[in-house]
C-alpha atoms as a PDB file:
ATOM      1  CA  MET A   1      93.990  45.341 103.645  1.00  0.00           C
ATOM      2  CA  GLN A   2      95.510  48.075 101.530  1.00  0.00           C
ATOM      3  CA  THR A   3      99.270  48.472 101.248  1.00  0.00           C
ATOM      4  CA  LEU A   4     100.682  51.950 101.026  1.00  0.00           C
ATOM      5  CA  VAL A   5     103.611  52.176  98.630  1.00  0.00           C
ATOM      6  CA  THR A   6     105.920  55.112  99.052  1.00  0.00           C
ATOM      7  CA  GLN A   7     108.486  56.002  96.482  1.00  0.00           C
ATOM      8  CA  GLU A   8     111.806  57.401  97.632  1.00  0.00           C
ATOM      9  CA  LYS A   9     112.595  60.735  96.014  1.00  0.00           C
ATOM     10  CA  GLN A  10     115.442  60.369  93.551  1.00  0.00           C
ATOM     11  CA  PRO A  11     118.225  62.969  93.753  1.00  0.00           C
ATOM     12  CA  GLU A  12     118.447  65.569  91.026  1.00  0.00           C
ATOM     13  CA  LYS A  13     121.116  64.865  88.445  1.00  0.00           C
ATOM     14  CA  ALA A  14     124.087  67.094  87.695  1.00  0.00           C
ATOM     15  CA  VAL A  15     126.996  67.192  85.270  1.00  0.00           C
ATOM     16  CA  MET A  16     130.336  68.815  86.089  1.00  0.00           C
ATOM     17  CA  TYR A  17     132.017  71.195  83.626  1.00  0.00           C
ATOM     18  CA  LEU A  18     135.735  71.356  84.442  1.00  0.00           C
ATOM     19  CA  ARG A  19     138.000  73.720  82.524  1.00  0.00           C
ATOM     20  CA  PHE A  20     141.383  75.315  82.424  1.00  0.00           C
ATOM     21  CA  SER A  21     142.524  77.632  79.674  1.00  0.00           C
ATOM     22  CA  SER A  22     145.905  78.936  80.711  1.00  0.00           C
ATOM     23  CA  GLU A  23     149.384  77.507  80.560  1.00  0.00           C
ATOM     24  CA  ASN A  24     149.661  78.554  84.218  1.00  0.00           C
ATOM     25  CA  GLN A  25     146.970  76.053  85.168  1.00  0.00           C
ATOM     26  CA  THR A  26     147.581  72.306  85.334  1.00  0.00           C
ATOM     27  CA  GLU A  27     145.772  69.021  85.706  1.00  0.00           C
ATOM     28  CA  GLN A  28     145.662  69.790  89.449  1.00  0.00           C
ATOM     29  CA  SER A  29     143.334  72.675  88.531  1.00  0.00           C
ATOM     30  CA  ILE A  30     140.896  70.150  87.071  1.00  0.00           C
ATOM     31  CA  GLU A  31     141.218  67.887  90.114  1.00  0.00           C
ATOM     32  CA  GLY A  32     140.582  70.823  92.442  1.00  0.00           C
ATOM     33  CA  GLN A  33     137.489  71.834  90.477  1.00  0.00           C
ATOM     34  CA  ARG A  34     136.263  68.234  90.489  1.00  0.00           C
ATOM     35  CA  SER A  35     136.660  68.033  94.268  1.00  0.00           C
ATOM     36  CA  GLU A  36     134.840  71.348  94.820  1.00  0.00           C
ATOM     37  CA  CYS A  37     132.013  70.367  92.468  1.00  0.00           C
ATOM     38  CA  GLN A  38     131.599  66.973  94.127  1.00  0.00           C
ATOM     39  CA  SER A  39     131.500  68.589  97.575  1.00  0.00           C
ATOM     40  CA  TYR A  40     128.832  71.014  96.351  1.00  0.00           C
ATOM     41  CA  ALA A  41     126.800  68.195  94.815  1.00  0.00           C
ATOM     42  CA  ASP A  42     127.042  66.115  97.984  1.00  0.00           C
ATOM     43  CA  SER A  43     125.954  68.984 100.217  1.00  0.00           C
ATOM     44  CA  HIS A  44     122.984  69.805  97.958  1.00  0.00           C
ATOM     45  CA  GLY A  45     121.746  66.262  97.393  1.00  0.00           C
ATOM     46  CA  LEU A  46     122.758  66.115  93.727  1.00  0.00           C
ATOM     47  CA  LYS A  47     123.876  62.978  91.903  1.00  0.00           C
ATOM     48  CA  VAL A  48     126.763  63.627  89.512  1.00  0.00           C
ATOM     49  CA  ILE A  49     126.130  61.557  86.385  1.00  0.00           C
ATOM     50  CA  GLY A  50     128.961  62.814  84.198  1.00  0.00           C
ATOM     51  CA  GLU A  51     131.536  65.450  83.496  1.00  0.00           C
ATOM     52  CA  TYR A  52     132.908  67.479  80.613  1.00  0.00           C
ATOM     53  CA  VAL A  53     136.586  68.367  80.781  1.00  0.00           C
ATOM     54  CA  ASP A  54     137.961  71.208  78.645  1.00  0.00           C
ATOM     55  CA  ARG A  55     141.776  71.341  78.695  1.00  0.00           C
ATOM     56  CA  ALA A  56     143.803  74.364  77.593  1.00  0.00           C
ATOM     57  CA  LYS A  57     141.664  75.720  74.780  1.00  0.00           C
ATOM     58  CA  SER A  58     141.370  79.454  74.837  1.00  0.00           C
ATOM     59  CA  ALA A  59     138.759  81.267  72.779  1.00  0.00           C
ATOM     60  CA  THR A  60     141.333  83.933  71.911  1.00  0.00           C
ATOM     61  CA  SER A  61     143.657  81.343  70.330  1.00  0.00           C
ATOM     62  CA  ASP A  62     140.911  79.422  68.527  1.00  0.00           C
ATOM     63  CA  PRO A  63     140.490  80.826  64.999  1.00  0.00           C
ATOM     64  CA  ILE A  64     136.968  79.403  64.686  1.00  0.00           C
ATOM     65  CA  SER A  65     135.638  81.234  67.756  1.00  0.00           C
ATOM     66  CA  ARG A  66     137.099  84.569  66.614  1.00  0.00           C
ATOM     67  CA  GLY A  67     135.305  84.389  63.266  1.00  0.00           C
END
């Protein structure tokens, strides 16, 4: 007798990039983005494996990025 082995398809992996760059935005901005990203991932069958959080760094105020 032969046994058929089926492998369950693993979800695709995703990483969240959460950012705010203005003094008018707060930590709640990051939490809101996290919630929206997680909802998107859940509804599209994605597994979130990490996140990058960028807090209050603006390219216009960073002397390195302006050259």
